Amino acid sequence: GSITAMSTNLEIIQSNPGQIDIIVLRNGEVIGFGNTISTDSIGVKKDYDVQSKEVVDFKAGDVISVLAQKTGEVGWRDVITLIEITTVN
């Protein structure tokens, strides 16, 4: 299959210049696809990104996970991240 899209929705409760990066991992390794959310203002923020099939492939048994990294002093909550996959039978 392929990872073809991802979206993240979260609430910034303490703002400061910086960002939150939601990074997709395949088997514990960064694959170069993710969401970036600015932390410059308080409120609900979202990011949605898409890519073509076969850019980031995976096979049965691979572990797909996400990691959140922040820059700056910021507070956030209520994080929802969805990863869209495309498979062929």
Protein backbone atom coordinates (compact mmCIF):
# COMPACT_ATOMS: atom_id res chain seq x y z
CA GLY A 1 0.00 0.00 0.00
CA SER A 2 0.88 3.69 -0.04
CA ILE A 3 0.43 6.54 2.41
CA THR A 4 -1.48 9.11 0.35
CA ALA A 5 -2.68 11.75 2.83
CA MET A 6 -2.69 12.84 6.43
CA SER A 7 -4.49 15.42 8.50
CA THR A 8 -3.99 16.81 11.98
CA ASN A 9 -6.35 18.85 14.12
CA LEU A 10 -5.31 20.24 17.52
CA GLU A 11 -5.86 23.15 19.89
CA ILE A 12 -3.10 25.59 20.84
CA ILE A 13 -3.68 26.67 24.47
CA GLN A 14 -0.40 28.52 25.05
CA SER A 15 1.01 30.30 22.02
CA ASN A 16 4.55 31.36 21.21
CA PRO A 17 6.43 31.62 17.94
CA GLY A 18 7.25 28.13 16.72
CA GLN A 19 5.56 25.08 15.31
CA ILE A 20 4.39 21.55 15.98
CA ASP A 21 5.49 18.92 13.47
CA ILE A 22 3.52 15.70 13.20
CA ILE A 23 5.95 13.26 11.56
CA VAL A 24 5.04 9.90 10.02
CA LEU A 25 7.33 6.95 10.75
CA ARG A 26 7.53 3.58 9.00
CA ASN A 27 9.11 0.91 11.20
CA GLY A 28 10.50 3.66 13.44
CA GLU A 29 12.16 5.62 10.61
CA VAL A 30 11.13 9.07 9.39
CA ILE A 31 9.68 8.89 5.87
CA GLY A 32 9.66 12.61 5.03
CA PHE A 33 5.89 13.20 5.16
CA GLY A 34 3.90 15.00 7.85
CA ASN A 35 1.91 18.02 9.01
CA THR A 36 3.26 21.32 10.32
CA ILE A 37 1.14 23.61 12.48
CA SER A 38 2.09 27.15 13.47
CA THR A 39 1.90 27.93 17.19
CA ASP A 40 1.82 31.74 16.83
CA SER A 41 -1.78 32.09 18.04
CA ILE A 42 -4.24 30.35 20.38
CA GLY A 43 -7.09 28.31 18.92
CA VAL A 44 -7.96 25.22 16.92
CA LYS A 45 -5.51 24.57 14.09
CA LYS A 46 -5.46 22.04 11.27
CA ASP A 47 -3.26 20.88 8.43
CA TYR A 48 -4.00 18.49 5.56
CA ASP A 49 -1.43 17.18 3.09
CA VAL A 50 -1.69 14.76 0.16
CA GLN A 51 0.79 12.94 -2.06
CA SER A 52 0.63 10.53 -4.97
CA LYS A 53 0.47 6.76 -4.64
CA GLU A 54 3.82 4.96 -4.56
CA VAL A 55 5.73 7.94 -3.08
CA VAL A 56 5.73 6.29 0.37
CA ASP A 57 4.99 2.58 0.17
CA PHE A 58 4.58 0.03 2.92
CA LYS A 59 4.09 -3.71 3.04
CA ALA A 60 2.20 -6.10 5.29
CA GLY A 61 3.74 -6.12 8.76
CA ASP A 62 5.22 -2.60 8.57
CA VAL A 63 4.43 -0.42 11.59
CA ILE A 64 3.12 3.05 10.71
CA SER A 65 3.23 5.57 13.57
CA VAL A 66 3.41 9.32 14.20
CA LEU A 67 5.63 11.51 16.35
CA ALA A 68 4.88 15.06 17.57
CA GLN A 69 7.82 17.48 17.90
CA LYS A 70 7.57 21.12 18.96
CA THR A 71 9.78 24.16 18.64
CA GLY A 72 9.29 26.97 21.12
CA GLU A 73 7.43 26.99 24.42
CA VAL A 74 3.88 26.05 23.51
CA GLY A 75 0.97 24.18 25.03
CA TRP A 76 -1.47 22.07 23.03
CA ARG A 77 -4.20 19.49 23.55
CA ASP A 78 -6.84 17.39 21.82
CA VAL A 79 -4.61 16.15 18.99
CA ILE A 80 -6.28 14.07 16.26
CA THR A 81 -4.18 12.75 13.39
CA LEU A 82 -5.50 10.60 10.54
CA ILE A 83 -3.38 8.81 7.97
CA GLU A 84 -4.95 7.85 4.64
CA ILE A 85 -3.67 4.80 2.81
CA THR A 86 -4.34 3.37 -0.62
CA THR A 87 -4.08 -0.38 -1.23
CA VAL A 88 -4.50 -2.64 -4.23
CA ASN A 89 -5.78 -6.21 -3.93
